[in-house]
ModelCIF file with pLDDT and N, C-alpha, C, O atoms, coordinates in Angstrom:
data_MODEL
#
_entry.id   MODEL 
#
_entity.id                         1 
_entity.type                       polymer 
_entity.pdbx_number_of_molecules   1 
#
_entity_poly.entity_id                      1 
_entity_poly.type                           'polypeptide(L)' 
_entity_poly.nstd_linkage                   no 
_entity_poly.nstd_monomer                   no 
_entity_poly.pdbx_seq_one_letter_code       
;(UNK)(UNK)(UNK)(UNK)(UNK)(UNK)(UNK)(UNK)(UNK)(UNK)(UNK)(UNK)(UNK)(UNK)(UNK)(UNK)
(UNK)(UNK)(UNK)(UNK)(UNK)(UNK)(UNK)(UNK)(UNK)(UNK)(UNK)(UNK)(UNK)(UNK)(UNK)(UNK)
(UNK)(UNK)(UNK)(UNK)(UNK)(UNK)(UNK)(UNK)(UNK)(UNK)(UNK)(UNK)(UNK)(UNK)
;
_entity_poly.pdbx_seq_one_letter_code_can   XXXXXXXXXXXXXXXXXXXXXXXXXXXXXXXXXXXXXXXXXXXXXX 
_entity_poly.pdbx_strand_id                 A 
#
loop_
_entity_poly_seq.entity_id 
_entity_poly_seq.num 
_entity_poly_seq.mon_id 
_entity_poly_seq.hetero 
1 1  UNK n 
1 2  UNK n 
1 3  UNK n 
1 4  UNK n 
1 5  UNK n 
1 6  UNK n 
1 7  UNK n 
1 8  UNK n 
1 9  UNK n 
1 10 UNK n 
1 11 UNK n 
1 12 UNK n 
1 13 UNK n 
1 14 UNK n 
1 15 UNK n 
1 16 UNK n 
1 17 UNK n 
1 18 UNK n 
1 19 UNK n 
1 20 UNK n 
1 21 UNK n 
1 22 UNK n 
1 23 UNK n 
1 24 UNK n 
1 25 UNK n 
1 26 UNK n 
1 27 UNK n 
1 28 UNK n 
1 29 UNK n 
1 30 UNK n 
1 31 UNK n 
1 32 UNK n 
1 33 UNK n 
1 34 UNK n 
1 35 UNK n 
1 36 UNK n 
1 37 UNK n 
1 38 UNK n 
1 39 UNK n 
1 40 UNK n 
1 41 UNK n 
1 42 UNK n 
1 43 UNK n 
1 44 UNK n 
1 45 UNK n 
1 46 UNK n 
#
_struct_asym.id          A 
_struct_asym.entity_id   1 
#
loop_
_ma_qa_metric.id 
_ma_qa_metric.mode 
_ma_qa_metric.name 
_ma_qa_metric.software_group_id 
_ma_qa_metric.type 
1 global pLDDT . pLDDT 
2 local  pLDDT . pLDDT 
#
_ma_qa_metric_global.metric_id      1 
_ma_qa_metric_global.metric_value   97.04 
_ma_qa_metric_global.model_id       1 
_ma_qa_metric_global.ordinal_id     1 
#
loop_
_ma_qa_metric_local.label_asym_id 
_ma_qa_metric_local.label_comp_id 
_ma_qa_metric_local.label_seq_id 
_ma_qa_metric_local.metric_id 
_ma_qa_metric_local.metric_value 
_ma_qa_metric_local.model_id 
_ma_qa_metric_local.ordinal_id 
A UNK 1  2 96.00 1 1  
A UNK 2  2 96.00 1 2  
A UNK 3  2 97.00 1 3  
A UNK 4  2 97.00 1 4  
A UNK 5  2 97.00 1 5  
A UNK 6  2 97.00 1 6  
A UNK 7  2 97.00 1 7  
A UNK 8  2 98.00 1 8  
A UNK 9  2 97.00 1 9  
A UNK 10 2 97.00 1 10 
A UNK 11 2 98.00 1 11 
A UNK 12 2 98.00 1 12 
A UNK 13 2 96.00 1 13 
A UNK 14 2 97.00 1 14 
A UNK 15 2 98.00 1 15 
A UNK 16 2 97.00 1 16 
A UNK 17 2 97.00 1 17 
A UNK 18 2 98.00 1 18 
A UNK 19 2 98.00 1 19 
A UNK 20 2 98.00 1 20 
A UNK 21 2 98.00 1 21 
A UNK 22 2 98.00 1 22 
A UNK 23 2 98.00 1 23 
A UNK 24 2 98.00 1 24 
A UNK 25 2 98.00 1 25 
A UNK 26 2 98.00 1 26 
A UNK 27 2 97.00 1 27 
A UNK 28 2 96.00 1 28 
A UNK 29 2 95.00 1 29 
A UNK 30 2 89.00 1 30 
A UNK 31 2 94.00 1 31 
A UNK 32 2 95.00 1 32 
A UNK 33 2 96.00 1 33 
A UNK 34 2 97.00 1 34 
A UNK 35 2 97.00 1 35 
A UNK 36 2 97.00 1 36 
A UNK 37 2 98.00 1 37 
A UNK 38 2 97.00 1 38 
A UNK 39 2 98.00 1 39 
A UNK 40 2 98.00 1 40 
A UNK 41 2 98.00 1 41 
A UNK 42 2 98.00 1 42 
A UNK 43 2 98.00 1 43 
A UNK 44 2 98.00 1 44 
A UNK 45 2 98.00 1 45 
A UNK 46 2 98.00 1 46 
#
loop_
_atom_site.group_PDB 
_atom_site.id 
_atom_site.type_symbol 
_atom_site.label_atom_id 
_atom_site.label_alt_id 
_atom_site.label_comp_id 
_atom_site.label_asym_id 
_atom_site.label_entity_id 
_atom_site.label_seq_id 
_atom_site.pdbx_PDB_ins_code 
_atom_site.Cartn_x 
_atom_site.Cartn_y 
_atom_site.Cartn_z 
_atom_site.occupancy 
_atom_site.B_iso_or_equiv 
_atom_site.pdbx_formal_charge 
_atom_site.auth_seq_id 
_atom_site.auth_comp_id 
_atom_site.auth_asym_id 
_atom_site.auth_atom_id 
_atom_site.pdbx_PDB_model_num 
ATOM 1   N N  . UNK A 1 1  ? 17.531 3.520  2.626   1.00 96.00 ? 1  UNK A N  1 
ATOM 2   C CA . UNK A 1 1  ? 17.518 4.722  1.737   1.00 96.00 ? 1  UNK A CA 1 
ATOM 3   C C  . UNK A 1 1  ? 16.522 5.034  0.490   1.00 96.00 ? 1  UNK A C  1 
ATOM 4   O O  . UNK A 1 1  ? 16.209 6.215  0.336   1.00 96.00 ? 1  UNK A O  1 
ATOM 5   N N  . UNK A 1 2  ? 16.019 4.103  -0.380  1.00 96.00 ? 2  UNK A N  1 
ATOM 6   C CA . UNK A 1 2  ? 15.284 4.132  -1.261  1.00 96.00 ? 2  UNK A CA 1 
ATOM 7   C C  . UNK A 1 2  ? 13.752 4.163  -0.194  1.00 96.00 ? 2  UNK A C  1 
ATOM 8   O O  . UNK A 1 2  ? 12.896 5.046  -0.257  1.00 96.00 ? 2  UNK A O  1 
ATOM 9   N N  . UNK A 1 3  ? 13.730 3.256  0.513   1.00 97.00 ? 3  UNK A N  1 
ATOM 10  C CA . UNK A 1 3  ? 12.476 3.389  1.377   1.00 97.00 ? 3  UNK A CA 1 
ATOM 11  C C  . UNK A 1 3  ? 12.200 4.646  1.428   1.00 97.00 ? 3  UNK A C  1 
ATOM 12  O O  . UNK A 1 3  ? 11.351 5.040  0.629   1.00 97.00 ? 3  UNK A O  1 
ATOM 13  N N  . UNK A 1 4  ? 12.671 5.402  2.140   1.00 97.00 ? 4  UNK A N  1 
ATOM 14  C CA . UNK A 1 4  ? 12.873 6.511  3.124   1.00 97.00 ? 4  UNK A CA 1 
ATOM 15  C C  . UNK A 1 4  ? 12.174 7.776  1.781   1.00 97.00 ? 4  UNK A C  1 
ATOM 16  O O  . UNK A 1 4  ? 11.295 8.622  1.944   1.00 97.00 ? 4  UNK A O  1 
ATOM 17  N N  . UNK A 1 5  ? 12.801 7.523  0.796   1.00 97.00 ? 5  UNK A N  1 
ATOM 18  C CA . UNK A 1 5  ? 12.677 8.515  -0.671  1.00 97.00 ? 5  UNK A CA 1 
ATOM 19  C C  . UNK A 1 5  ? 11.246 8.149  -0.749  1.00 97.00 ? 5  UNK A C  1 
ATOM 20  O O  . UNK A 1 5  ? 10.490 9.071  -0.443  1.00 97.00 ? 5  UNK A O  1 
ATOM 21  N N  . UNK A 1 6  ? 10.871 7.402  -0.973  1.00 97.00 ? 6  UNK A N  1 
ATOM 22  C CA . UNK A 1 6  ? 9.251  6.795  -1.521  1.00 97.00 ? 6  UNK A CA 1 
ATOM 23  C C  . UNK A 1 6  ? 8.386  7.359  -0.165  1.00 97.00 ? 6  UNK A C  1 
ATOM 24  O O  . UNK A 1 6  ? 7.413  8.101  -0.297  1.00 97.00 ? 6  UNK A O  1 
ATOM 25  N N  . UNK A 1 7  ? 8.722  7.049  0.718   1.00 97.00 ? 7  UNK A N  1 
ATOM 26  C CA . UNK A 1 7  ? 7.727  7.406  2.012   1.00 97.00 ? 7  UNK A CA 1 
ATOM 27  C C  . UNK A 1 7  ? 7.729  8.776  2.073   1.00 97.00 ? 7  UNK A C  1 
ATOM 28  O O  . UNK A 1 7  ? 6.816  9.291  2.719   1.00 97.00 ? 7  UNK A O  1 
ATOM 29  N N  . UNK A 1 8  ? 8.608  9.544  1.508   1.00 98.00 ? 8  UNK A N  1 
ATOM 30  C CA . UNK A 1 8  ? 8.828  11.234 1.796   1.00 98.00 ? 8  UNK A CA 1 
ATOM 31  C C  . UNK A 1 8  ? 7.450  11.626 0.932   1.00 98.00 ? 8  UNK A C  1 
ATOM 32  O O  . UNK A 1 8  ? 6.536  12.353 1.321   1.00 98.00 ? 8  UNK A O  1 
ATOM 33  N N  . UNK A 1 9  ? 7.553  10.997 -0.235  1.00 97.00 ? 9  UNK A N  1 
ATOM 34  C CA . UNK A 1 9  ? 6.396  11.448 -1.568  1.00 97.00 ? 9  UNK A CA 1 
ATOM 35  C C  . UNK A 1 9  ? 5.053  11.173 -0.793  1.00 97.00 ? 9  UNK A C  1 
ATOM 36  O O  . UNK A 1 9  ? 4.035  11.754 -1.167  1.00 97.00 ? 9  UNK A O  1 
ATOM 37  N N  . UNK A 1 10 ? 5.024  10.422 0.130   1.00 97.00 ? 10 UNK A N  1 
ATOM 38  C CA . UNK A 1 10 ? 3.610  9.744  0.288   1.00 97.00 ? 10 UNK A CA 1 
ATOM 39  C C  . UNK A 1 10 ? 3.202  8.113  0.453   1.00 97.00 ? 10 UNK A C  1 
ATOM 40  O O  . UNK A 1 10 ? 2.159  7.599  0.856   1.00 97.00 ? 10 UNK A O  1 
ATOM 41  N N  . UNK A 1 11 ? 4.226  7.630  0.064   1.00 98.00 ? 11 UNK A N  1 
ATOM 42  C CA . UNK A 1 11 ? 3.846  6.138  -0.249  1.00 98.00 ? 11 UNK A CA 1 
ATOM 43  C C  . UNK A 1 11 ? 4.128  5.603  1.316   1.00 98.00 ? 11 UNK A C  1 
ATOM 44  O O  . UNK A 1 11 ? 4.952  5.981  2.148   1.00 98.00 ? 11 UNK A O  1 
ATOM 45  N N  . UNK A 1 12 ? 2.951  4.420  1.371   1.00 98.00 ? 12 UNK A N  1 
ATOM 46  C CA . UNK A 1 12 ? 3.430  3.611  2.903   1.00 98.00 ? 12 UNK A CA 1 
ATOM 47  C C  . UNK A 1 12 ? 4.393  2.564  2.789   1.00 98.00 ? 12 UNK A C  1 
ATOM 48  O O  . UNK A 1 12 ? 4.975  2.214  1.762   1.00 98.00 ? 12 UNK A O  1 
ATOM 49  N N  . UNK A 1 13 ? 4.521  2.029  4.108   1.00 96.00 ? 13 UNK A N  1 
ATOM 50  C CA . UNK A 1 13 ? 5.263  0.881  3.940   1.00 96.00 ? 13 UNK A CA 1 
ATOM 51  C C  . UNK A 1 13 ? 4.625  -0.497 3.504   1.00 96.00 ? 13 UNK A C  1 
ATOM 52  O O  . UNK A 1 13 ? 5.173  -1.582 3.310   1.00 96.00 ? 13 UNK A O  1 
ATOM 53  N N  . UNK A 1 14 ? 3.259  -0.110 3.408   1.00 97.00 ? 14 UNK A N  1 
ATOM 54  C CA . UNK A 1 14 ? 2.363  -1.459 2.438   1.00 97.00 ? 14 UNK A CA 1 
ATOM 55  C C  . UNK A 1 14 ? 2.394  -1.329 1.164   1.00 97.00 ? 14 UNK A C  1 
ATOM 56  O O  . UNK A 1 14 ? 2.675  -2.266 0.417   1.00 97.00 ? 14 UNK A O  1 
ATOM 57  N N  . UNK A 1 15 ? 2.067  0.022  0.708   1.00 98.00 ? 15 UNK A N  1 
ATOM 58  C CA . UNK A 1 15 ? 2.445  0.330  -0.908  1.00 98.00 ? 15 UNK A CA 1 
ATOM 59  C C  . UNK A 1 15 ? 3.532  -0.421 -1.422  1.00 98.00 ? 15 UNK A C  1 
ATOM 60  O O  . UNK A 1 15 ? 3.396  -1.072 -2.457  1.00 98.00 ? 15 UNK A O  1 
ATOM 61  N N  . UNK A 1 16 ? 4.903  -0.380 -0.612  1.00 97.00 ? 16 UNK A N  1 
ATOM 62  C CA . UNK A 1 16 ? 6.043  -1.009 -1.127  1.00 97.00 ? 16 UNK A CA 1 
ATOM 63  C C  . UNK A 1 16 ? 6.712  -2.175 -1.171  1.00 97.00 ? 16 UNK A C  1 
ATOM 64  O O  . UNK A 1 16 ? 7.782  -2.595 -1.612  1.00 97.00 ? 16 UNK A O  1 
ATOM 65  N N  . UNK A 1 17 ? 5.572  -2.664 -0.461  1.00 97.00 ? 17 UNK A N  1 
ATOM 66  C CA . UNK A 1 17 ? 5.379  -4.129 -0.257  1.00 97.00 ? 17 UNK A CA 1 
ATOM 67  C C  . UNK A 1 17 ? 4.547  -4.993 -1.873  1.00 97.00 ? 17 UNK A C  1 
ATOM 68  O O  . UNK A 1 17 ? 4.674  -6.134 -2.316  1.00 97.00 ? 17 UNK A O  1 
ATOM 69  N N  . UNK A 1 18 ? 3.801  -3.908 -2.312  1.00 98.00 ? 18 UNK A N  1 
ATOM 70  C CA . UNK A 1 18 ? 3.337  -4.669 -3.653  1.00 98.00 ? 18 UNK A CA 1 
ATOM 71  C C  . UNK A 1 18 ? 4.046  -4.511 -4.583  1.00 98.00 ? 18 UNK A C  1 
ATOM 72  O O  . UNK A 1 18 ? 5.187  -4.080 -4.419  1.00 98.00 ? 18 UNK A O  1 
ATOM 73  N N  . UNK A 1 19 ? 3.503  -4.852 -5.939  1.00 98.00 ? 19 UNK A N  1 
ATOM 74  C CA . UNK A 1 19 ? 4.401  -4.684 -7.139  1.00 98.00 ? 19 UNK A CA 1 
ATOM 75  C C  . UNK A 1 19 ? 4.326  -3.275 -7.578  1.00 98.00 ? 19 UNK A C  1 
ATOM 76  O O  . UNK A 1 19 ? 3.285  -2.619 -7.540  1.00 98.00 ? 19 UNK A O  1 
ATOM 77  N N  . UNK A 1 20 ? 5.690  -2.748 -8.078  1.00 98.00 ? 20 UNK A N  1 
ATOM 78  C CA . UNK A 1 20 ? 5.942  -1.603 -8.016  1.00 98.00 ? 20 UNK A CA 1 
ATOM 79  C C  . UNK A 1 20 ? 5.638  -1.429 -9.775  1.00 98.00 ? 20 UNK A C  1 
ATOM 80  O O  . UNK A 1 20 ? 5.884  -2.322 -10.586 1.00 98.00 ? 20 UNK A O  1 
ATOM 81  N N  . UNK A 1 21 ? 5.125  -0.236 -10.084 1.00 98.00 ? 21 UNK A N  1 
ATOM 82  C CA . UNK A 1 21 ? 4.514  -0.500 -11.831 1.00 98.00 ? 21 UNK A CA 1 
ATOM 83  C C  . UNK A 1 21 ? 4.817  1.018  -12.076 1.00 98.00 ? 21 UNK A C  1 
ATOM 84  O O  . UNK A 1 21 ? 4.157  1.982  -11.687 1.00 98.00 ? 21 UNK A O  1 
ATOM 85  N N  . UNK A 1 22 ? 6.121  1.002  -12.908 1.00 98.00 ? 22 UNK A N  1 
ATOM 86  C CA . UNK A 1 22 ? 6.021  2.283  -13.688 1.00 98.00 ? 22 UNK A CA 1 
ATOM 87  C C  . UNK A 1 22 ? 5.015  2.704  -14.682 1.00 98.00 ? 22 UNK A C  1 
ATOM 88  O O  . UNK A 1 22 ? 4.717  1.931  -15.592 1.00 98.00 ? 22 UNK A O  1 
ATOM 89  N N  . UNK A 1 23 ? 4.376  4.056  -14.567 1.00 98.00 ? 23 UNK A N  1 
ATOM 90  C CA . UNK A 1 23 ? 3.624  4.523  -15.501 1.00 98.00 ? 23 UNK A CA 1 
ATOM 91  C C  . UNK A 1 23 ? 4.125  5.806  -16.178 1.00 98.00 ? 23 UNK A C  1 
ATOM 92  O O  . UNK A 1 23 ? 4.062  6.926  -15.671 1.00 98.00 ? 23 UNK A O  1 
ATOM 93  N N  . UNK A 1 24 ? 4.695  5.469  -17.541 1.00 98.00 ? 24 UNK A N  1 
ATOM 94  C CA . UNK A 1 24 ? 5.589  6.226  -18.089 1.00 98.00 ? 24 UNK A CA 1 
ATOM 95  C C  . UNK A 1 24 ? 4.874  7.153  -19.578 1.00 98.00 ? 24 UNK A C  1 
ATOM 96  O O  . UNK A 1 24 ? 4.576  6.871  -20.738 1.00 98.00 ? 24 UNK A O  1 
ATOM 97  N N  . UNK A 1 25 ? 4.848  8.155  -18.845 1.00 98.00 ? 25 UNK A N  1 
ATOM 98  C CA . UNK A 1 25 ? 3.689  9.084  -20.025 1.00 98.00 ? 25 UNK A CA 1 
ATOM 99  C C  . UNK A 1 25 ? 4.666  10.051 -20.530 1.00 98.00 ? 25 UNK A C  1 
ATOM 100 O O  . UNK A 1 25 ? 5.633  10.578 -19.981 1.00 98.00 ? 25 UNK A O  1 
ATOM 101 N N  . UNK A 1 26 ? 4.143  10.165 -21.797 1.00 98.00 ? 26 UNK A N  1 
ATOM 102 C CA . UNK A 1 26 ? 4.650  11.230 -22.713 1.00 98.00 ? 26 UNK A CA 1 
ATOM 103 C C  . UNK A 1 26 ? 3.655  12.707 -22.788 1.00 98.00 ? 26 UNK A C  1 
ATOM 104 O O  . UNK A 1 26 ? 3.348  13.270 -23.839 1.00 98.00 ? 26 UNK A O  1 
ATOM 105 N N  . UNK A 1 27 ? 3.292  13.109 -21.523 1.00 97.00 ? 27 UNK A N  1 
ATOM 106 C CA . UNK A 1 27 ? 2.316  14.026 -21.579 1.00 97.00 ? 27 UNK A CA 1 
ATOM 107 C C  . UNK A 1 27 ? 3.554  15.049 -21.716 1.00 97.00 ? 27 UNK A C  1 
ATOM 108 O O  . UNK A 1 27 ? 4.750  14.913 -21.461 1.00 97.00 ? 27 UNK A O  1 
ATOM 109 N N  . UNK A 1 28 ? 2.622  16.382 -22.340 1.00 96.00 ? 28 UNK A N  1 
ATOM 110 C CA . UNK A 1 28 ? 3.243  17.527 -22.427 1.00 96.00 ? 28 UNK A CA 1 
ATOM 111 C C  . UNK A 1 28 ? 1.855  18.380 -22.786 1.00 96.00 ? 28 UNK A C  1 
ATOM 112 O O  . UNK A 1 28 ? 0.812  17.902 -23.233 1.00 96.00 ? 28 UNK A O  1 
ATOM 113 N N  . UNK A 1 29 ? 2.110  19.665 -22.490 1.00 95.00 ? 29 UNK A N  1 
ATOM 114 C CA . UNK A 1 29 ? 1.261  20.884 -22.989 1.00 95.00 ? 29 UNK A CA 1 
ATOM 115 C C  . UNK A 1 29 ? 1.210  21.618 -24.447 1.00 95.00 ? 29 UNK A C  1 
ATOM 116 O O  . UNK A 1 29 ? 0.619  22.592 -24.913 1.00 95.00 ? 29 UNK A O  1 
ATOM 117 N N  . UNK A 1 30 ? 2.027  20.759 -24.866 1.00 89.00 ? 30 UNK A N  1 
ATOM 118 C CA . UNK A 1 30 ? 2.395  21.447 -26.466 1.00 89.00 ? 30 UNK A CA 1 
ATOM 119 C C  . UNK A 1 30 ? 1.851  21.234 -27.836 1.00 89.00 ? 30 UNK A C  1 
ATOM 120 O O  . UNK A 1 30 ? 1.799  21.990 -28.807 1.00 89.00 ? 30 UNK A O  1 
ATOM 121 N N  . UNK A 1 31 ? 1.452  19.978 -27.655 1.00 94.00 ? 31 UNK A N  1 
ATOM 122 C CA . UNK A 1 31 ? 0.600  19.304 -28.669 1.00 94.00 ? 31 UNK A CA 1 
ATOM 123 C C  . UNK A 1 31 ? -0.255 18.201 -28.050 1.00 94.00 ? 31 UNK A C  1 
ATOM 124 O O  . UNK A 1 31 ? -0.116 17.594 -26.988 1.00 94.00 ? 31 UNK A O  1 
ATOM 125 N N  . UNK A 1 32 ? -1.314 18.098 -29.152 1.00 95.00 ? 32 UNK A N  1 
ATOM 126 C CA . UNK A 1 32 ? -2.229 17.212 -29.152 1.00 95.00 ? 32 UNK A CA 1 
ATOM 127 C C  . UNK A 1 32 ? -2.402 15.785 -28.678 1.00 95.00 ? 32 UNK A C  1 
ATOM 128 O O  . UNK A 1 32 ? -3.334 15.283 -28.051 1.00 95.00 ? 32 UNK A O  1 
ATOM 129 N N  . UNK A 1 33 ? -1.170 15.202 -29.171 1.00 96.00 ? 33 UNK A N  1 
ATOM 130 C CA . UNK A 1 33 ? -1.099 14.087 -28.963 1.00 96.00 ? 33 UNK A CA 1 
ATOM 131 C C  . UNK A 1 33 ? -0.593 13.642 -27.475 1.00 96.00 ? 33 UNK A C  1 
ATOM 132 O O  . UNK A 1 33 ? -0.921 12.591 -26.925 1.00 96.00 ? 33 UNK A O  1 
ATOM 133 N N  . UNK A 1 34 ? 0.125  14.476 -27.019 1.00 97.00 ? 34 UNK A N  1 
ATOM 134 C CA . UNK A 1 34 ? 0.512  14.176 -25.527 1.00 97.00 ? 34 UNK A CA 1 
ATOM 135 C C  . UNK A 1 34 ? -0.236 14.729 -24.679 1.00 97.00 ? 34 UNK A C  1 
ATOM 136 O O  . UNK A 1 34 ? -0.021 14.338 -23.532 1.00 97.00 ? 34 UNK A O  1 
ATOM 137 N N  . UNK A 1 35 ? -1.426 15.858 -24.842 1.00 97.00 ? 35 UNK A N  1 
ATOM 138 C CA . UNK A 1 35 ? -2.003 15.889 -23.648 1.00 97.00 ? 35 UNK A CA 1 
ATOM 139 C C  . UNK A 1 35 ? -2.948 15.112 -23.197 1.00 97.00 ? 35 UNK A C  1 
ATOM 140 O O  . UNK A 1 35 ? -3.326 15.242 -22.032 1.00 97.00 ? 35 UNK A O  1 
ATOM 141 N N  . UNK A 1 36 ? -3.333 14.453 -23.781 1.00 97.00 ? 36 UNK A N  1 
ATOM 142 C CA . UNK A 1 36 ? -4.491 13.696 -22.940 1.00 97.00 ? 36 UNK A CA 1 
ATOM 143 C C  . UNK A 1 36 ? -3.824 12.814 -21.948 1.00 97.00 ? 36 UNK A C  1 
ATOM 144 O O  . UNK A 1 36 ? -4.579 12.469 -21.039 1.00 97.00 ? 36 UNK A O  1 
ATOM 145 N N  . UNK A 1 37 ? -2.580 12.346 -21.878 1.00 98.00 ? 37 UNK A N  1 
ATOM 146 C CA . UNK A 1 37 ? -1.843 11.302 -21.341 1.00 98.00 ? 37 UNK A CA 1 
ATOM 147 C C  . UNK A 1 37 ? -1.891 11.810 -19.664 1.00 98.00 ? 37 UNK A C  1 
ATOM 148 O O  . UNK A 1 37 ? -2.119 11.032 -18.737 1.00 98.00 ? 37 UNK A O  1 
ATOM 149 N N  . UNK A 1 38 ? -1.629 13.258 -19.511 1.00 97.00 ? 38 UNK A N  1 
ATOM 150 C CA . UNK A 1 38 ? -1.952 13.405 -18.018 1.00 97.00 ? 38 UNK A CA 1 
ATOM 151 C C  . UNK A 1 38 ? -3.101 13.016 -17.381 1.00 97.00 ? 38 UNK A C  1 
ATOM 152 O O  . UNK A 1 38 ? -2.863 12.598 -16.247 1.00 97.00 ? 38 UNK A O  1 
ATOM 153 N N  . UNK A 1 39 ? -4.508 12.994 -17.754 1.00 98.00 ? 39 UNK A N  1 
ATOM 154 C CA . UNK A 1 39 ? -5.814 12.729 -17.496 1.00 98.00 ? 39 UNK A CA 1 
ATOM 155 C C  . UNK A 1 39 ? -5.575 10.717 -17.575 1.00 98.00 ? 39 UNK A C  1 
ATOM 156 O O  . UNK A 1 39 ? -5.921 10.053 -16.598 1.00 98.00 ? 39 UNK A O  1 
ATOM 157 N N  . UNK A 1 40 ? -5.177 10.258 -18.408 1.00 98.00 ? 40 UNK A N  1 
ATOM 158 C CA . UNK A 1 40 ? -5.279 9.078  -18.785 1.00 98.00 ? 40 UNK A CA 1 
ATOM 159 C C  . UNK A 1 40 ? -4.541 8.220  -17.780 1.00 98.00 ? 40 UNK A C  1 
ATOM 160 O O  . UNK A 1 40 ? -4.866 7.192  -17.186 1.00 98.00 ? 40 UNK A O  1 
ATOM 161 N N  . UNK A 1 41 ? -3.371 9.013  -17.775 1.00 98.00 ? 41 UNK A N  1 
ATOM 162 C CA . UNK A 1 41 ? -2.257 8.190  -16.442 1.00 98.00 ? 41 UNK A CA 1 
ATOM 163 C C  . UNK A 1 41 ? -3.048 7.896  -15.008 1.00 98.00 ? 41 UNK A C  1 
ATOM 164 O O  . UNK A 1 41 ? -2.882 6.976  -14.207 1.00 98.00 ? 41 UNK A O  1 
ATOM 165 N N  . UNK A 1 42 ? -3.896 8.930  -14.985 1.00 98.00 ? 42 UNK A N  1 
ATOM 166 C CA . UNK A 1 42 ? -4.719 8.873  -13.732 1.00 98.00 ? 42 UNK A CA 1 
ATOM 167 C C  . UNK A 1 42 ? -5.810 7.704  -13.667 1.00 98.00 ? 42 UNK A C  1 
ATOM 168 O O  . UNK A 1 42 ? -5.899 7.112  -12.591 1.00 98.00 ? 42 UNK A O  1 
ATOM 169 N N  . UNK A 1 43 ? -6.695 7.294  -14.777 1.00 98.00 ? 43 UNK A N  1 
ATOM 170 C CA . UNK A 1 43 ? -7.001 6.071  -14.645 1.00 98.00 ? 43 UNK A CA 1 
ATOM 171 C C  . UNK A 1 43 ? -6.041 4.881  -14.918 1.00 98.00 ? 43 UNK A C  1 
ATOM 172 O O  . UNK A 1 43 ? -6.462 3.804  -14.496 1.00 98.00 ? 43 UNK A O  1 
ATOM 173 N N  . UNK A 1 44 ? -4.809 4.859  -15.553 1.00 98.00 ? 44 UNK A N  1 
ATOM 174 C CA . UNK A 1 44 ? -4.006 3.629  -15.377 1.00 98.00 ? 44 UNK A CA 1 
ATOM 175 C C  . UNK A 1 44 ? -4.109 3.841  -14.221 1.00 98.00 ? 44 UNK A C  1 
ATOM 176 O O  . UNK A 1 44 ? -5.030 3.097  -13.885 1.00 98.00 ? 44 UNK A O  1 
ATOM 177 N N  . UNK A 1 45 ? -3.739 4.429  -13.261 1.00 98.00 ? 45 UNK A N  1 
ATOM 178 C CA . UNK A 1 45 ? -3.177 4.346  -11.803 1.00 98.00 ? 45 UNK A CA 1 
ATOM 179 C C  . UNK A 1 45 ? -4.028 3.596  -10.929 1.00 98.00 ? 45 UNK A C  1 
ATOM 180 O O  . UNK A 1 45 ? -3.624 2.837  -10.047 1.00 98.00 ? 45 UNK A O  1 
ATOM 181 N N  . UNK A 1 46 ? -5.192 3.834  -11.203 1.00 98.00 ? 46 UNK A N  1 
ATOM 182 C CA . UNK A 1 46 ? -6.738 3.999  -10.740 1.00 98.00 ? 46 UNK A CA 1 
ATOM 183 C C  . UNK A 1 46 ? -6.523 1.960  -10.425 1.00 98.00 ? 46 UNK A C  1 
ATOM 184 O O  . UNK A 1 46 ? -7.469 1.298  -9.997  1.00 98.00 ? 46 UNK A O  1 
#
């Protein structure tokens, strides 16, 4: 059930066998303290 949900947004069977890390971002577009997190999250994920 959850594997199907994850696969639907692009994760593979191999991806789901690795440690799953939540990247919890406070990003928003209405103040400067949150704004950088959209980009920084991509570097964290890489």
